Amino acid sequence: MEKGNRQLKRILSRRQILVLFRVAGTATLVGCLPRRSNTAQLQSSVPVQASSTADPTLPACIVSPEQIEGPYYVDEKLNRSDIRSDPSDNSVKKGMPLQLTLRLTQVSSSGCTPVKDAIVDLWHCDALGVYSDAKDRSFTTIGKKFLRGYQVTDADGTVQFTTIYPGWYEGRSVHMHVKVRTNATSGKSYEFTTQLYLDDSITDLVHAQAPYASKGQGRLKNADDMLFSAGGEKLLLTLTKTNQAYAATFNIGIQPV
């Protein structure tokens, strides 16, 4: 754990670390997951009781922490479901295909209702731990736009993305970034940012294959990631195998003010 924290501190600025611990206790992003972690005291975990008129197909809603954006967010304004390609040269990132469905709901005391017309951004690194349109000590990809894009939620509050299973880079466990932008009831802009995590046992299997295997060893497990320890159990994707790909559905609830 100490090794993971030291590596993460080299990546995050002091300001970002302070933000991390602030949002871990005060955020109102909510996610719907089947299990709870032992880090509940770091979170504002509040079950919402659904009324008898609530849609019985909706999952129970549990308040979870918002997580920091990280250094690699770029608003590319790429409205697309398949984010594997790079529009600059039409190349396609290689890796294990991953179908991700996100369902956005607004949480109230009476239950959850779908949020329509919200913008949901997804971005993450490639199989070798590289982000597009970023400058880092180990890579420069300015102008590239692979593995980035957004979708607008439909009447059911749903968006779908086709991407690849993420790789890893120093100081972090395997993760993906999500940003939700919508309007609160007051009409003001409303934004949440968080990160989604992958099961270590599945990551072991995927990363043993090409092209991931060429990266070598060194990734952190979830338990050694300081950000995961601040609510990651509630942000863990449940993956299913579909032929030569994986699929996951994750429910996010928001409480606009």
C-alpha atoms as a PDB file:
ATOM      1  CA  MET A   1       0.000   0.000   0.000  1.00  0.00           C
ATOM      2  CA  GLU A   2       2.846   2.414   0.883  1.00  0.00           C
ATOM      3  CA  LYS A   3       4.440   1.805  -2.515  1.00  0.00           C
ATOM      4  CA  GLY A   4       1.183   2.611  -4.297  1.00  0.00           C
ATOM      5  CA  ASN A   5       0.684   5.808  -2.290  1.00  0.00           C
ATOM      6  CA  ARG A   6       4.220   7.009  -3.038  1.00  0.00           C
ATOM      7  CA  GLN A   7       3.732   6.403  -6.761  1.00  0.00           C
ATOM      8  CA  LEU A   8       0.365   8.152  -6.801  1.00  0.00           C
ATOM      9  CA  LYS A   9       1.711  11.187  -4.968  1.00  0.00           C
ATOM     10  CA  ARG A  10       4.313  11.598  -7.709  1.00  0.00           C
ATOM     11  CA  ILE A  11       1.497  11.770 -10.255  1.00  0.00           C
ATOM     12  CA  LEU A  12      -1.006  13.912  -8.320  1.00  0.00           C
ATOM     13  CA  SER A  13      -0.295  17.455  -7.259  1.00  0.00           C
ATOM     14  CA  ARG A  14      -0.768  18.527  -3.656  1.00  0.00           C
ATOM     15  CA  ARG A  15      -3.930  20.364  -4.681  1.00  0.00           C
ATOM     16  CA  GLN A  16      -5.380  17.266  -6.333  1.00  0.00           C
ATOM     17  CA  ILE A  17      -4.696  15.141  -3.249  1.00  0.00           C
ATOM     18  CA  LEU A  18      -6.499  17.678  -1.070  1.00  0.00           C
ATOM     19  CA  VAL A  19      -9.418  17.625  -3.462  1.00  0.00           C
ATOM     20  CA  LEU A  20      -9.468  13.821  -3.325  1.00  0.00           C
ATOM     21  CA  PHE A  21      -9.977  13.731   0.424  1.00  0.00           C
ATOM     22  CA  ARG A  22     -12.498  16.567   0.338  1.00  0.00           C
ATOM     23  CA  VAL A  23     -14.741  14.904  -2.231  1.00  0.00           C
ATOM     24  CA  ALA A  24     -14.447  11.522  -0.534  1.00  0.00           C
ATOM     25  CA  GLY A  25     -16.484  12.905   2.345  1.00  0.00           C
ATOM     26  CA  THR A  26     -18.755  15.463   0.722  1.00  0.00           C
ATOM     27  CA  ALA A  27     -19.631  14.414  -2.814  1.00  0.00           C
ATOM     28  CA  THR A  28     -23.183  13.621  -3.826  1.00  0.00           C
ATOM     29  CA  LEU A  29     -22.481  11.439  -6.832  1.00  0.00           C
ATOM     30  CA  VAL A  30     -24.425   8.234  -6.357  1.00  0.00           C
ATOM     31  CA  GLY A  31     -23.853   4.836  -7.843  1.00  0.00           C
ATOM     32  CA  CYS A  32     -25.800   1.629  -7.669  1.00  0.00           C
ATOM     33  CA  LEU A  33     -23.736  -1.431  -6.880  1.00  0.00           C
ATOM     34  CA  PRO A  34     -24.473  -4.767  -5.273  1.00  0.00           C
ATOM     35  CA  ARG A  35     -22.004  -4.514  -2.424  1.00  0.00           C
ATOM     36  CA  ARG A  36     -20.485  -2.053   0.046  1.00  0.00           C
ATOM     37  CA  SER A  37     -16.896  -1.630   1.184  1.00  0.00           C
ATOM     38  CA  ASN A  38     -15.356  -1.157   4.599  1.00  0.00           C
ATOM     39  CA  THR A  39     -14.471   2.437   3.705  1.00  0.00           C
ATOM     40  CA  ALA A  40     -18.013   3.641   4.392  1.00  0.00           C
ATOM     41  CA  GLN A  41     -16.831   6.243   6.893  1.00  0.00           C
ATOM     42  CA  LEU A  42     -14.977   7.990   4.054  1.00  0.00           C
ATOM     43  CA  GLN A  43     -18.187   8.219   2.072  1.00  0.00           C
ATOM     44  CA  SER A  44     -21.630   9.791   2.307  1.00  0.00           C
ATOM     45  CA  SER A  45     -23.412   6.473   1.818  1.00  0.00           C
ATOM     46  CA  VAL A  46     -27.151   7.056   2.173  1.00  0.00           C
ATOM     47  CA  PRO A  47     -29.686   4.523   0.906  1.00  0.00           C
ATOM     48  CA  VAL A  48     -32.703   6.090  -0.766  1.00  0.00           C
ATOM     49  CA  GLN A  49     -36.036   4.442  -0.040  1.00  0.00           C
ATOM     50  CA  ALA A  50     -38.093   4.043  -3.211  1.00  0.00           C
ATOM     51  CA  SER A  51     -41.826   4.618  -3.051  1.00  0.00           C
ATOM     52  CA  SER A  52     -44.339   1.991  -4.081  1.00  0.00           C
ATOM     53  CA  THR A  53     -44.813   3.816  -7.386  1.00  0.00           C
ATOM     54  CA  ALA A  54     -41.115   3.711  -8.297  1.00  0.00           C
ATOM     55  CA  ASP A  55     -40.029   1.611 -11.267  1.00  0.00           C
ATOM     56  CA  PRO A  56     -39.264  -1.846  -9.768  1.00  0.00           C
ATOM     57  CA  THR A  57     -36.646  -2.486 -12.464  1.00  0.00           C
ATOM     58  CA  LEU A  58     -34.449   0.336 -11.162  1.00  0.00           C
ATOM     59  CA  PRO A  59     -31.676  -0.656  -8.723  1.00  0.00           C
ATOM     60  CA  ALA A  60     -31.465   0.671  -5.184  1.00  0.00           C
ATOM     61  CA  CYS A  61     -29.589   3.971  -5.071  1.00  0.00           C
ATOM     62  CA  ILE A  62     -26.587   4.465  -2.801  1.00  0.00           C
ATOM     63  CA  VAL A  63     -24.668   7.702  -2.425  1.00  0.00           C
ATOM     64  CA  SER A  64     -21.007   7.302  -3.425  1.00  0.00           C
ATOM     65  CA  PRO A  65     -18.031   9.663  -3.538  1.00  0.00           C
ATOM     66  CA  GLU A  66     -17.155  11.706  -6.582  1.00  0.00           C
ATOM     67  CA  GLN A  67     -13.522  11.098  -7.553  1.00  0.00           C
ATOM     68  CA  ILE A  68     -11.022  13.536  -9.001  1.00  0.00           C
ATOM     69  CA  GLU A  69     -10.848  14.194 -12.721  1.00  0.00           C
ATOM     70  CA  GLY A  70      -7.144  13.506 -13.038  1.00  0.00           C
ATOM     71  CA  PRO A  71      -4.666  15.245 -15.357  1.00  0.00           C
ATOM     72  CA  TYR A  72      -5.861  13.872 -18.710  1.00  0.00           C
ATOM     73  CA  TYR A  73      -9.392  15.222 -19.318  1.00  0.00           C
ATOM     74  CA  VAL A  74      -9.815  17.076 -22.630  1.00  0.00           C
ATOM     75  CA  ASP A  75     -13.205  18.233 -23.908  1.00  0.00           C
ATOM     76  CA  GLU A  76     -12.766  16.970 -27.462  1.00  0.00           C
ATOM     77  CA  LYS A  77     -16.499  17.336 -28.264  1.00  0.00           C
ATOM     78  CA  LEU A  78     -16.492  13.896 -29.907  1.00  0.00           C
ATOM     79  CA  ASN A  79     -20.092  12.673 -30.002  1.00  0.00           C
ATOM     80  CA  ARG A  80     -19.590   8.970 -30.680  1.00  0.00           C
ATOM     81  CA  SER A  81     -20.364   5.591 -29.187  1.00  0.00           C
ATOM     82  CA  ASP A  82     -17.309   3.701 -30.480  1.00  0.00           C
ATOM     83  CA  ILE A  83     -14.293   5.500 -29.045  1.00  0.00           C
ATOM     84  CA  ARG A  84     -11.573   3.103 -30.209  1.00  0.00           C
ATOM     85  CA  SER A  85     -10.540   5.010 -33.333  1.00  0.00           C
ATOM     86  CA  ASP A  86      -8.426   8.123 -33.755  1.00  0.00           C
ATOM     87  CA  PRO A  87     -10.133  10.646 -36.083  1.00  0.00           C
ATOM     88  CA  SER A  88      -6.763  12.162 -36.983  1.00  0.00           C
ATOM     89  CA  ASP A  89      -5.622   9.079 -38.913  1.00  0.00           C
ATOM     90  CA  ASN A  90      -8.516   6.566 -38.616  1.00  0.00           C
ATOM     91  CA  SER A  91      -6.322   4.104 -36.724  1.00  0.00           C
ATOM     92  CA  VAL A  92      -8.050   1.814 -34.227  1.00  0.00           C
ATOM     93  CA  LYS A  93      -6.637   0.962 -30.815  1.00  0.00           C
ATOM     94  CA  LYS A  94      -5.992  -2.728 -30.288  1.00  0.00           C
ATOM     95  CA  GLY A  95      -7.131  -4.491 -27.147  1.00  0.00           C
ATOM     96  CA  MET A  96      -9.850  -6.616 -25.578  1.00  0.00           C
ATOM     97  CA  PRO A  97     -13.218  -5.167 -26.702  1.00  0.00           C
ATOM     98  CA  LEU A  98     -15.388  -3.795 -23.907  1.00  0.00           C
ATOM     99  CA  GLN A  99     -19.051  -2.837 -24.222  1.00  0.00           C
ATOM    100  CA  LEU A 100     -20.007  -0.369 -21.486  1.00  0.00           C
ATOM    101  CA  THR A 101     -23.576   0.708 -20.732  1.00  0.00           C
ATOM    102  CA  LEU A 102     -24.152   3.549 -18.279  1.00  0.00           C
ATOM    103  CA  ARG A 103     -27.596   4.355 -16.916  1.00  0.00           C
ATOM    104  CA  LEU A 104     -28.110   7.761 -15.316  1.00  0.00           C
ATOM    105  CA  THR A 105     -30.900   8.416 -12.826  1.00  0.00           C
ATOM    106  CA  GLN A 106     -31.925  11.312 -10.614  1.00  0.00           C
ATOM    107  CA  VAL A 107     -32.341  10.304  -6.986  1.00  0.00           C
ATOM    108  CA  SER A 108     -35.002  11.694  -4.689  1.00  0.00           C
ATOM    109  CA  SER A 109     -36.815  10.534  -1.566  1.00  0.00           C
ATOM    110  CA  SER A 110     -39.396   8.828  -3.789  1.00  0.00           C
ATOM    111  CA  GLY A 111     -36.890   6.816  -5.819  1.00  0.00           C
ATOM    112  CA  CYS A 112     -34.899   7.056  -9.070  1.00  0.00           C
ATOM    113  CA  THR A 113     -36.036   8.509 -12.383  1.00  0.00           C
ATOM    114  CA  PRO A 114     -34.080   8.418 -15.677  1.00  0.00           C
ATOM    115  CA  VAL A 115     -32.152  11.559 -16.648  1.00  0.00           C
ATOM    116  CA  LYS A 116     -32.602  12.405 -20.329  1.00  0.00           C
ATOM    117  CA  ASP A 117     -30.276  14.581 -22.483  1.00  0.00           C
ATOM    118  CA  ALA A 118     -27.301  14.501 -20.126  1.00  0.00           C
ATOM    119  CA  ILE A 119     -23.798  14.522 -21.629  1.00  0.00           C
ATOM    120  CA  VAL A 120     -21.662  11.595 -20.461  1.00  0.00           C
ATOM    121  CA  ASP A 121     -17.933  11.624 -21.305  1.00  0.00           C
ATOM    122  CA  LEU A 122     -15.762   8.515 -21.157  1.00  0.00           C
ATOM    123  CA  TRP A 123     -11.967   8.444 -21.470  1.00  0.00           C
ATOM    124  CA  HIS A 124      -9.120   6.160 -20.438  1.00  0.00           C
ATOM    125  CA  CYS A 125      -5.644   4.975 -21.400  1.00  0.00           C
ATOM    126  CA  ASP A 126      -4.841   2.428 -24.102  1.00  0.00           C
ATOM    127  CA  ALA A 127      -3.444  -1.082 -23.639  1.00  0.00           C
ATOM    128  CA  LEU A 128       0.028   0.323 -22.886  1.00  0.00           C
ATOM    129  CA  GLY A 129      -1.085   3.008 -20.424  1.00  0.00           C
ATOM    130  CA  VAL A 130      -1.058   5.957 -22.856  1.00  0.00           C
ATOM    131  CA  TYR A 131      -3.734   8.670 -23.013  1.00  0.00           C
ATOM    132  CA  SER A 132      -4.532  10.619 -26.153  1.00  0.00           C
ATOM    133  CA  ASP A 133      -4.076  14.394 -26.520  1.00  0.00           C
ATOM    134  CA  ALA A 134      -1.783  14.567 -23.504  1.00  0.00           C
ATOM    135  CA  LYS A 135       1.831  15.303 -22.655  1.00  0.00           C
ATOM    136  CA  ASP A 136       3.480  13.167 -20.001  1.00  0.00           C
ATOM    137  CA  ARG A 137       7.062  12.402 -19.005  1.00  0.00           C
ATOM    138  CA  SER A 138       6.831   9.103 -20.911  1.00  0.00           C
ATOM    139  CA  PHE A 139       4.720  10.084 -23.943  1.00  0.00           C
ATOM    140  CA  THR A 140       3.376  12.952 -26.047  1.00  0.00           C
ATOM    141  CA  THR A 141       0.126  12.424 -27.940  1.00  0.00           C
ATOM    142  CA  ILE A 142      -1.033  15.996 -28.537  1.00  0.00           C
ATOM    143  CA  GLY A 143      -3.599  16.067 -31.358  1.00  0.00           C
ATOM    144  CA  LYS A 144      -4.597  12.408 -30.966  1.00  0.00           C
ATOM    145  CA  LYS A 145      -8.154  11.600 -29.851  1.00  0.00           C
ATOM    146  CA  PHE A 146      -8.329   7.835 -29.329  1.00  0.00           C
ATOM    147  CA  LEU A 147     -10.331   6.389 -26.437  1.00  0.00           C
ATOM    148  CA  ARG A 148     -12.296   9.575 -25.846  1.00  0.00           C
ATOM    149  CA  GLY A 149     -15.883  10.494 -26.589  1.00  0.00           C
ATOM    150  CA  TYR A 150     -19.285  11.371 -25.221  1.00  0.00           C
ATOM    151  CA  GLN A 151     -22.883  10.259 -25.621  1.00  0.00           C
ATOM    152  CA  VAL A 152     -26.187  11.927 -24.712  1.00  0.00           C
ATOM    153  CA  THR A 153     -28.556   9.928 -22.523  1.00  0.00           C
ATOM    154  CA  ASP A 154     -31.784   8.704 -24.106  1.00  0.00           C
ATOM    155  CA  ALA A 155     -35.265   8.667 -22.547  1.00  0.00           C
ATOM    156  CA  ASP A 156     -34.169   5.796 -20.297  1.00  0.00           C
ATOM    157  CA  GLY A 157     -31.102   7.730 -19.099  1.00  0.00           C
ATOM    158  CA  THR A 158     -28.838   5.312 -20.963  1.00  0.00           C
ATOM    159  CA  VAL A 159     -25.648   5.685 -22.995  1.00  0.00           C
ATOM    160  CA  GLN A 160     -23.522   2.954 -24.563  1.00  0.00           C
ATOM    161  CA  PHE A 161     -19.828   2.897 -25.449  1.00  0.00           C
ATOM    162  CA  THR A 162     -17.657   0.473 -27.392  1.00  0.00           C
ATOM    163  CA  THR A 163     -14.057   0.640 -26.236  1.00  0.00           C
ATOM    164  CA  ILE A 164     -11.183  -1.613 -25.112  1.00  0.00           C
ATOM    165  CA  TYR A 165     -10.152  -2.906 -21.724  1.00  0.00           C
ATOM    166  CA  PRO A 166      -7.764  -0.287 -20.271  1.00  0.00           C
ATOM    167  CA  GLY A 167      -4.096  -0.902 -19.638  1.00  0.00           C
ATOM    168  CA  TRP A 168      -2.103   0.430 -16.683  1.00  0.00           C
ATOM    169  CA  TYR A 169       0.428   3.095 -15.827  1.00  0.00           C
ATOM    170  CA  GLU A 170       2.631   3.790 -12.831  1.00  0.00           C
ATOM    171  CA  GLY A 171       0.927   4.613  -9.565  1.00  0.00           C
ATOM    172  CA  ARG A 172      -2.646   3.579 -10.439  1.00  0.00           C
ATOM    173  CA  SER A 173      -4.778   0.480 -10.643  1.00  0.00           C
ATOM    174  CA  VAL A 174      -6.734  -0.065 -13.863  1.00  0.00           C
ATOM    175  CA  HIS A 175      -9.542   2.470 -14.235  1.00  0.00           C
ATOM    176  CA  MET A 176     -11.718   4.554 -16.566  1.00  0.00           C
ATOM    177  CA  HIS A 177     -12.908   8.160 -16.223  1.00  0.00           C
ATOM    178  CA  VAL A 178     -16.504   9.369 -16.473  1.00  0.00           C
ATOM    179  CA  LYS A 179     -17.857  12.928 -16.437  1.00  0.00           C
ATOM    180  CA  VAL A 180     -21.583  13.707 -16.322  1.00  0.00           C
ATOM    181  CA  ARG A 181     -22.887  17.133 -17.344  1.00  0.00           C
ATOM    182  CA  THR A 182     -26.511  18.115 -17.023  1.00  0.00           C
ATOM    183  CA  ASN A 183     -28.741  20.897 -15.701  1.00  0.00           C
ATOM    184  CA  ALA A 184     -30.069  21.074 -12.177  1.00  0.00           C
ATOM    185  CA  THR A 185     -33.689  21.984 -11.529  1.00  0.00           C
ATOM    186  CA  SER A 186     -32.570  25.616 -11.277  1.00  0.00           C
ATOM    187  CA  GLY A 187     -31.277  25.457 -14.843  1.00  0.00           C
ATOM    188  CA  LYS A 188     -27.654  25.873 -13.786  1.00  0.00           C
ATOM    189  CA  SER A 189     -24.948  23.591 -15.101  1.00  0.00           C
ATOM    190  CA  TYR A 190     -24.475  20.463 -12.996  1.00  0.00           C
ATOM    191  CA  GLU A 191     -21.370  18.271 -13.201  1.00  0.00           C
ATOM    192  CA  PHE A 192     -20.042  15.105 -11.613  1.00  0.00           C
ATOM    193  CA  THR A 193     -16.763  13.357 -12.296  1.00  0.00           C
ATOM    194  CA  THR A 194     -15.745   9.916 -11.126  1.00  0.00           C
ATOM    195  CA  GLN A 195     -13.676   6.863 -12.017  1.00  0.00           C
ATOM    196  CA  LEU A 196     -14.720   3.272 -12.703  1.00  0.00           C
ATOM    197  CA  TYR A 197     -12.587   0.281 -11.727  1.00  0.00           C
ATOM    198  CA  LEU A 198     -12.010  -3.237 -13.084  1.00  0.00           C
ATOM    199  CA  ASP A 199     -11.817  -6.516 -11.176  1.00  0.00           C
ATOM    200  CA  ASP A 200      -8.199  -7.518 -10.536  1.00  0.00           C
ATOM    201  CA  SER A 201      -8.766 -11.187 -11.375  1.00  0.00           C
ATOM    202  CA  ILE A 202     -10.162 -10.325 -14.806  1.00  0.00           C
ATOM    203  CA  THR A 203      -7.424  -7.762 -15.375  1.00  0.00           C
ATOM    204  CA  ASP A 204      -4.841 -10.479 -14.725  1.00  0.00           C
ATOM    205  CA  LEU A 205      -6.359 -12.574 -17.514  1.00  0.00           C
ATOM    206  CA  VAL A 206      -6.686  -9.721 -19.995  1.00  0.00           C
ATOM    207  CA  HIS A 207      -3.252  -8.230 -19.344  1.00  0.00           C
ATOM    208  CA  ALA A 208      -1.578 -11.589 -19.919  1.00  0.00           C
ATOM    209  CA  GLN A 209      -2.584 -11.308 -23.581  1.00  0.00           C
ATOM    210  CA  ALA A 210      -1.302  -9.128 -26.406  1.00  0.00           C
ATOM    211  CA  PRO A 211      -0.916  -6.194 -26.664  1.00  0.00           C
ATOM    212  CA  TYR A 212      -1.113  -5.702 -22.881  1.00  0.00           C
ATOM    213  CA  ALA A 213       1.577  -8.253 -22.031  1.00  0.00           C
ATOM    214  CA  SER A 214       4.312  -6.183 -23.712  1.00  0.00           C
ATOM    215  CA  LYS A 215       3.876  -3.556 -20.975  1.00  0.00           C
ATOM    216  CA  GLY A 216       5.340  -5.966 -18.460  1.00  0.00           C
ATOM    217  CA  GLN A 217       4.694  -6.162 -14.713  1.00  0.00           C
ATOM    218  CA  GLY A 218       4.244  -3.316 -12.278  1.00  0.00           C
ATOM    219  CA  ARG A 219       0.580  -2.340 -12.116  1.00  0.00           C
ATOM    220  CA  LEU A 220      -1.049  -1.683  -8.769  1.00  0.00           C
ATOM    221  CA  LYS A 221      -3.871  -3.846  -7.501  1.00  0.00           C
ATOM    222  CA  ASN A 222      -7.036  -2.039  -6.506  1.00  0.00           C
ATOM    223  CA  ALA A 223      -6.313  -2.491  -2.801  1.00  0.00           C
ATOM    224  CA  ASP A 224      -3.018  -0.591  -3.208  1.00  0.00           C
ATOM    225  CA  ASP A 225      -4.535   2.368  -5.079  1.00  0.00           C
ATOM    226  CA  MET A 226      -5.142   5.369  -2.817  1.00  0.00           C
ATOM    227  CA  LEU A 227      -8.050   6.581  -4.958  1.00  0.00           C
ATOM    228  CA  PHE A 228      -9.715   3.167  -4.981  1.00  0.00           C
ATOM    229  CA  SER A 229      -9.547   3.124  -1.185  1.00  0.00           C
ATOM    230  CA  ALA A 230     -11.750   6.253  -1.163  1.00  0.00           C
ATOM    231  CA  GLY A 231     -14.885   4.577  -2.498  1.00  0.00           C
ATOM    232  CA  GLY A 232     -13.658   2.362  -5.311  1.00  0.00           C
ATOM    233  CA  GLU A 233     -15.686  -0.623  -4.136  1.00  0.00           C
ATOM    234  CA  LYS A 234     -18.823   1.316  -5.108  1.00  0.00           C
ATOM    235  CA  LEU A 235     -17.344   2.102  -8.524  1.00  0.00           C
ATOM    236  CA  LEU A 236     -16.308  -1.428  -9.481  1.00  0.00           C
ATOM    237  CA  LEU A 237     -17.680  -2.736 -12.773  1.00  0.00           C
ATOM    238  CA  THR A 238     -19.309  -6.167 -12.868  1.00  0.00           C
ATOM    239  CA  LEU A 239     -18.075  -7.723 -16.106  1.00  0.00           C
ATOM    240  CA  THR A 240     -19.588 -10.513 -18.179  1.00  0.00           C
ATOM    241  CA  LYS A 241     -17.873 -12.389 -21.001  1.00  0.00           C
ATOM    242  CA  THR A 242     -19.478 -12.163 -24.442  1.00  0.00           C
ATOM    243  CA  ASN A 243     -17.672 -14.248 -27.072  1.00  0.00           C
ATOM    244  CA  GLN A 244     -14.349 -12.430 -27.557  1.00  0.00           C
ATOM    245  CA  ALA A 245     -15.277  -9.375 -25.504  1.00  0.00           C
ATOM    246  CA  TYR A 246     -16.441  -8.172 -22.099  1.00  0.00           C
ATOM    247  CA  ALA A 247     -19.570  -6.196 -21.244  1.00  0.00           C
ATOM    248  CA  ALA A 248     -20.657  -4.210 -18.210  1.00  0.00           C
ATOM    249  CA  THR A 249     -23.631  -2.129 -17.119  1.00  0.00           C
ATOM    250  CA  PHE A 250     -23.229   0.480 -14.404  1.00  0.00           C
ATOM    251  CA  ASN A 251     -25.957   2.591 -12.813  1.00  0.00           C
ATOM    252  CA  ILE A 252     -25.178   6.162 -11.743  1.00  0.00           C
ATOM    253  CA  GLY A 253     -27.579   8.330  -9.798  1.00  0.00           C
ATOM    254  CA  ILE A 254     -27.271  12.055  -9.261  1.00  0.00           C
ATOM    255  CA  GLN A 255     -28.918  14.482  -6.854  1.00  0.00           C
ATOM    256  CA  PRO A 256     -29.028  17.927  -8.530  1.00  0.00           C
ATOM    257  CA  VAL A 257     -29.500  20.858  -6.184  1.00  0.00           C
END
